[in-house]
Amino acid sequence: MPLAMRLRCLPVATVRGLEVSVAVGPRARLLGLAHLDRAVAGSGLFIPRCRSVHTFGMRFALDLYFLDEDGEPLAIRRRIGARRVVSCRKAHAVLEIPAGEGGEFSSSRP
């Protein structure tokens, strides 16, 4: 199934070996993957200049990777359900991945 319309217009980047949409602009940053079915959410969403995310409106659980300025994980929060606020004060970016789909991504950097 193709990506949701609002994700198709976003730039794509490879973050730690995973190709994901990049949340640019306030709307993309606010909505993230909320209100989307898993089938159209893609492989994940990278949110630069971010240290806190919410999961209000999420229809599936997320694994959250809080990254430092070099893209190294500072904190990993797994299987975060809906209606939560999660943060890491030292983070420079957040990578949202559908729960369980990150594989060994957190332990190796290409």
N, C-alpha and C. Protein backbone atom coordinates (compact mmCIF):
# COMPACT_ATOMS: atom_id res chain seq x y z
N MET A 1 0.85 -1.18 0.00
CA MET A 1 0.00 0.00 0.00
C MET A 1 0.90 1.24 0.00
N PRO A 2 0.52 2.28 -0.73
CA PRO A 2 1.37 3.49 -0.81
C PRO A 2 1.33 4.30 0.48
N LEU A 3 2.28 5.22 0.56
CA LEU A 3 2.34 6.14 1.71
C LEU A 3 1.11 7.04 1.75
N ALA A 4 0.78 7.49 2.95
CA ALA A 4 -0.29 8.46 3.12
C ALA A 4 0.08 9.73 2.35
N MET A 5 -0.92 10.43 1.84
CA MET A 5 -0.70 11.63 1.03
C MET A 5 0.19 12.64 1.75
N ARG A 6 -0.06 12.87 3.04
CA ARG A 6 0.72 13.90 3.74
C ARG A 6 2.18 13.51 3.93
N LEU A 7 2.50 12.22 3.85
CA LEU A 7 3.90 11.79 3.95
C LEU A 7 4.60 11.81 2.60
N ARG A 8 3.84 11.63 1.52
CA ARG A 8 4.43 11.61 0.18
C ARG A 8 5.07 12.93 -0.20
N CYS A 9 4.59 14.03 0.37
CA CYS A 9 5.13 15.34 0.01
C CYS A 9 6.35 15.72 0.86
N LEU A 10 6.72 14.88 1.82
CA LEU A 10 7.86 15.17 2.68
C LEU A 10 9.15 14.65 2.06
N PRO A 11 10.28 15.32 2.36
CA PRO A 11 11.56 14.78 1.89
C PRO A 11 11.86 13.45 2.58
N VAL A 12 12.74 12.69 1.97
CA VAL A 12 13.13 11.38 2.50
C VAL A 12 14.62 11.44 2.82
N ALA A 13 15.01 10.81 3.92
CA ALA A 13 16.42 10.73 4.30
C ALA A 13 16.72 9.33 4.82
N THR A 14 17.98 8.98 4.78
CA THR A 14 18.43 7.72 5.37
C THR A 14 19.01 8.06 6.73
N VAL A 15 18.39 7.53 7.76
CA VAL A 15 18.81 7.78 9.13
C VAL A 15 19.22 6.44 9.73
N ARG A 16 20.49 6.31 10.03
CA ARG A 16 21.05 5.07 10.59
C ARG A 16 20.67 3.86 9.75
N GLY A 17 20.71 4.03 8.43
CA GLY A 17 20.47 2.93 7.51
C GLY A 17 19.01 2.68 7.16
N LEU A 18 18.11 3.47 7.71
CA LEU A 18 16.68 3.29 7.46
C LEU A 18 16.15 4.49 6.68
N GLU A 19 15.48 4.24 5.57
CA GLU A 19 14.93 5.32 4.76
C GLU A 19 13.57 5.75 5.31
N VAL A 20 13.48 7.01 5.74
CA VAL A 20 12.27 7.52 6.40
C VAL A 20 11.92 8.91 5.87
N SER A 21 10.67 9.29 6.06
CA SER A 21 10.23 10.65 5.75
C SER A 21 10.79 11.59 6.81
N VAL A 22 11.01 12.85 6.42
CA VAL A 22 11.54 13.85 7.35
C VAL A 22 10.45 14.88 7.60
N ALA A 23 10.11 15.09 8.86
CA ALA A 23 9.08 16.05 9.24
C ALA A 23 9.65 17.47 9.14
N VAL A 24 9.26 18.16 8.09
CA VAL A 24 9.65 19.56 7.92
C VAL A 24 8.38 20.39 7.99
N GLY A 25 8.48 21.52 8.63
CA GLY A 25 7.30 22.38 8.76
C GLY A 25 6.49 22.02 9.98
N PRO A 26 5.78 22.99 10.50
CA PRO A 26 5.04 22.79 11.75
C PRO A 26 3.93 21.73 11.67
N ARG A 27 3.24 21.64 10.56
CA ARG A 27 2.15 20.66 10.45
C ARG A 27 2.69 19.24 10.51
N ALA A 28 3.73 18.96 9.74
CA ALA A 28 4.32 17.62 9.72
C ALA A 28 4.89 17.26 11.08
N ARG A 29 5.47 18.23 11.76
CA ARG A 29 6.05 17.99 13.08
C ARG A 29 4.95 17.72 14.12
N LEU A 30 3.86 18.45 14.04
CA LEU A 30 2.77 18.29 15.00
C LEU A 30 2.03 16.97 14.79
N LEU A 31 1.70 16.65 13.54
CA LEU A 31 0.92 15.44 13.26
C LEU A 31 1.74 14.17 13.34
N GLY A 32 2.99 14.22 12.89
CA GLY A 32 3.81 13.01 12.88
C GLY A 32 3.09 11.90 12.15
N LEU A 33 2.98 10.75 12.79
CA LEU A 33 2.30 9.59 12.21
C LEU A 33 0.90 9.40 12.78
N ALA A 34 0.43 10.38 13.54
CA ALA A 34 -0.89 10.29 14.17
C ALA A 34 -2.01 10.20 13.14
N HIS A 35 -3.06 9.50 13.49
CA HIS A 35 -4.29 9.34 12.70
C HIS A 35 -4.07 8.55 11.41
N LEU A 36 -2.93 7.90 11.28
CA LEU A 36 -2.66 7.08 10.10
C LEU A 36 -2.76 5.61 10.47
N ASP A 37 -3.23 4.80 9.53
CA ASP A 37 -3.18 3.35 9.72
C ASP A 37 -1.76 2.89 9.45
N ARG A 38 -1.36 1.82 10.07
CA ARG A 38 0.01 1.31 9.91
C ARG A 38 0.34 1.07 8.44
N ALA A 39 -0.61 0.62 7.67
CA ALA A 39 -0.37 0.27 6.27
C ALA A 39 0.09 1.45 5.41
N VAL A 40 -0.24 2.68 5.79
CA VAL A 40 0.13 3.85 4.97
C VAL A 40 1.14 4.76 5.68
N ALA A 41 1.69 4.31 6.80
CA ALA A 41 2.61 5.13 7.59
C ALA A 41 4.06 5.03 7.14
N GLY A 42 4.37 4.09 6.28
CA GLY A 42 5.75 3.96 5.81
C GLY A 42 6.66 3.34 6.85
N SER A 43 7.97 3.54 6.66
CA SER A 43 8.94 2.91 7.55
C SER A 43 9.25 3.71 8.79
N GLY A 44 8.79 4.95 8.83
CA GLY A 44 9.02 5.77 10.02
C GLY A 44 9.09 7.24 9.67
N LEU A 45 9.38 8.05 10.69
CA LEU A 45 9.44 9.50 10.53
C LEU A 45 10.59 10.04 11.35
N PHE A 46 11.42 10.87 10.72
CA PHE A 46 12.53 11.53 11.39
C PHE A 46 12.11 12.96 11.68
N ILE A 47 12.27 13.37 12.94
CA ILE A 47 11.89 14.72 13.34
C ILE A 47 13.15 15.43 13.86
N PRO A 48 13.76 16.28 13.02
CA PRO A 48 14.96 16.99 13.46
C PRO A 48 14.62 18.09 14.46
N ARG A 49 15.61 18.51 15.21
CA ARG A 49 15.45 19.58 16.21
C ARG A 49 14.27 19.28 17.14
N CYS A 50 14.27 18.09 17.71
CA CYS A 50 13.15 17.64 18.53
C CYS A 50 13.67 16.84 19.71
N ARG A 51 13.06 17.05 20.87
CA ARG A 51 13.44 16.25 22.04
C ARG A 51 12.23 15.70 22.78
N SER A 52 11.03 15.95 22.25
CA SER A 52 9.81 15.47 22.90
C SER A 52 8.75 15.19 21.84
N VAL A 53 8.06 14.06 21.98
CA VAL A 53 6.99 13.72 21.04
C VAL A 53 5.75 13.29 21.82
N HIS A 54 4.60 13.38 21.16
CA HIS A 54 3.35 12.90 21.75
C HIS A 54 2.82 11.79 20.85
N THR A 55 1.99 10.95 21.43
CA THR A 55 1.38 9.88 20.64
C THR A 55 -0.14 9.99 20.64
N PHE A 56 -0.65 11.19 20.83
CA PHE A 56 -2.10 11.40 20.76
C PHE A 56 -2.56 11.15 19.33
N GLY A 57 -3.58 10.34 19.16
CA GLY A 57 -4.10 10.03 17.83
C GLY A 57 -3.41 8.86 17.15
N MET A 58 -2.46 8.21 17.82
CA MET A 58 -1.76 7.09 17.19
C MET A 58 -2.66 5.87 17.12
N ARG A 59 -2.57 5.16 16.01
CA ARG A 59 -3.36 3.93 15.81
C ARG A 59 -2.51 2.68 15.94
N PHE A 60 -1.21 2.85 16.16
CA PHE A 60 -0.31 1.72 16.37
C PHE A 60 0.82 2.19 17.29
N ALA A 61 1.47 1.25 17.94
CA ALA A 61 2.56 1.58 18.87
C ALA A 61 3.82 1.98 18.11
N LEU A 62 4.65 2.77 18.77
CA LEU A 62 5.90 3.25 18.18
C LEU A 62 7.10 2.86 19.01
N ASP A 63 8.22 2.67 18.32
CA ASP A 63 9.52 2.64 18.97
C ASP A 63 10.13 4.01 18.69
N LEU A 64 10.59 4.68 19.74
CA LEU A 64 11.14 6.03 19.61
C LEU A 64 12.63 6.01 19.88
N TYR A 65 13.40 6.57 18.96
CA TYR A 65 14.85 6.66 19.09
C TYR A 65 15.21 8.14 19.23
N PHE A 66 15.68 8.52 20.41
CA PHE A 66 16.12 9.89 20.65
C PHE A 66 17.60 9.94 20.30
N LEU A 67 17.95 10.80 19.34
CA LEU A 67 19.31 10.82 18.79
C LEU A 67 20.07 12.08 19.19
N ASP A 68 21.40 11.93 19.32
CA ASP A 68 22.24 13.09 19.58
C ASP A 68 22.57 13.78 18.27
N GLU A 69 23.42 14.81 18.32
CA GLU A 69 23.73 15.58 17.10
C GLU A 69 24.45 14.78 16.04
N ASP A 70 25.06 13.64 16.41
CA ASP A 70 25.75 12.78 15.46
C ASP A 70 24.87 11.62 14.99
N GLY A 71 23.62 11.58 15.43
CA GLY A 71 22.72 10.52 15.04
C GLY A 71 22.84 9.26 15.88
N GLU A 72 23.58 9.33 16.97
CA GLU A 72 23.71 8.18 17.86
C GLU A 72 22.56 8.17 18.86
N PRO A 73 22.01 6.99 19.16
CA PRO A 73 20.90 6.91 20.11
C PRO A 73 21.32 7.31 21.53
N LEU A 74 20.56 8.20 22.11
CA LEU A 74 20.72 8.57 23.52
C LEU A 74 19.77 7.76 24.38
N ALA A 75 18.57 7.54 23.86
CA ALA A 75 17.55 6.78 24.58
C ALA A 75 16.64 6.11 23.56
N ILE A 76 16.18 4.93 23.91
CA ILE A 76 15.25 4.19 23.06
C ILE A 76 14.05 3.82 23.93
N ARG A 77 12.88 4.16 23.45
CA ARG A 77 11.63 3.82 24.15
C ARG A 77 10.82 2.93 23.21
N ARG A 78 10.51 1.74 23.67
CA ARG A 78 9.84 0.76 22.81
C ARG A 78 8.36 0.62 23.14
N ARG A 79 7.61 0.32 22.08
CA ARG A 79 6.17 0.01 22.17
C ARG A 79 5.38 1.08 22.92
N ILE A 80 5.57 2.31 22.54
CA ILE A 80 4.84 3.42 23.16
C ILE A 80 3.46 3.49 22.52
N GLY A 81 2.44 3.38 23.34
CA GLY A 81 1.07 3.40 22.86
C GLY A 81 0.53 4.81 22.74
N ALA A 82 -0.74 4.90 22.45
CA ALA A 82 -1.41 6.19 22.24
C ALA A 82 -1.53 6.98 23.55
N ARG A 83 -1.69 8.28 23.37
CA ARG A 83 -1.95 9.23 24.47
C ARG A 83 -0.80 9.31 25.47
N ARG A 84 0.42 9.38 24.96
CA ARG A 84 1.60 9.53 25.81
C ARG A 84 2.43 10.72 25.34
N VAL A 85 3.22 11.26 26.25
CA VAL A 85 4.23 12.27 25.92
C VAL A 85 5.56 11.70 26.41
N VAL A 86 6.54 11.64 25.51
CA VAL A 86 7.83 11.04 25.83
C VAL A 86 8.92 12.03 25.42
N SER A 87 9.94 12.18 26.27
CA SER A 87 11.00 13.14 25.93
C SER A 87 12.36 12.66 26.42
N CYS A 88 13.38 13.31 25.88
CA CYS A 88 14.77 13.10 26.28
C CYS A 88 15.43 14.46 26.15
N ARG A 89 15.76 15.06 27.26
CA ARG A 89 16.25 16.45 27.28
C ARG A 89 17.49 16.68 26.44
N LYS A 90 18.35 15.68 26.28
CA LYS A 90 19.61 15.87 25.54
C LYS A 90 19.48 15.58 24.05
N ALA A 91 18.32 15.11 23.62
CA ALA A 91 18.14 14.73 22.21
C ALA A 91 18.18 15.94 21.27
N HIS A 92 18.66 15.68 20.05
CA HIS A 92 18.65 16.68 18.98
C HIS A 92 17.66 16.31 17.89
N ALA A 93 17.19 15.06 17.91
CA ALA A 93 16.22 14.58 16.91
C ALA A 93 15.55 13.33 17.45
N VAL A 94 14.41 13.00 16.85
CA VAL A 94 13.70 11.78 17.22
C VAL A 94 13.35 11.02 15.95
N LEU A 95 13.53 9.72 16.02
CA LEU A 95 13.12 8.83 14.95
C LEU A 95 11.97 7.99 15.46
N GLU A 96 10.82 8.09 14.79
CA GLU A 96 9.64 7.29 15.13
C GLU A 96 9.55 6.13 14.15
N ILE A 97 9.50 4.92 14.69
CA ILE A 97 9.41 3.72 13.87
C ILE A 97 8.26 2.88 14.39
N PRO A 98 7.44 2.31 13.52
CA PRO A 98 6.40 1.40 14.00
C PRO A 98 7.03 0.33 14.90
N ALA A 99 6.41 0.06 16.02
CA ALA A 99 6.97 -0.84 17.03
C ALA A 99 7.40 -2.17 16.43
N GLY A 100 8.61 -2.58 16.80
CA GLY A 100 9.14 -3.87 16.39
C GLY A 100 9.77 -3.90 15.02
N GLU A 101 9.80 -2.79 14.29
CA GLU A 101 10.32 -2.81 12.92
C GLU A 101 11.71 -2.19 12.78
N GLY A 102 12.33 -1.83 13.90
CA GLY A 102 13.66 -1.23 13.84
C GLY A 102 14.78 -2.25 13.71
N GLY A 103 14.49 -3.52 13.99
CA GLY A 103 15.49 -4.56 13.89
C GLY A 103 16.72 -4.26 14.73
N GLU A 104 17.88 -4.49 14.16
CA GLU A 104 19.15 -4.26 14.86
C GLU A 104 19.65 -2.84 14.61
N PHE A 105 18.82 -2.02 14.06
CA PHE A 105 19.18 -0.65 13.69
C PHE A 105 19.84 0.11 14.82
N SER A 106 19.40 -0.07 16.07
CA SER A 106 19.92 0.71 17.18
C SER A 106 21.34 0.34 17.56
N SER A 107 21.82 -0.83 17.19
CA SER A 107 23.14 -1.26 17.63
C SER A 107 24.22 -1.13 16.57
N SER A 108 23.84 -0.77 15.35
CA SER A 108 24.86 -0.65 14.30
C SER A 108 24.61 0.58 13.46
N ARG A 109 25.67 1.18 13.04
CA ARG A 109 25.57 2.38 12.21
C ARG A 109 26.29 2.13 10.90
N PRO A 110 25.62 2.36 9.77
CA PRO A 110 26.27 2.09 8.47
C PRO A 110 27.42 3.05 8.22
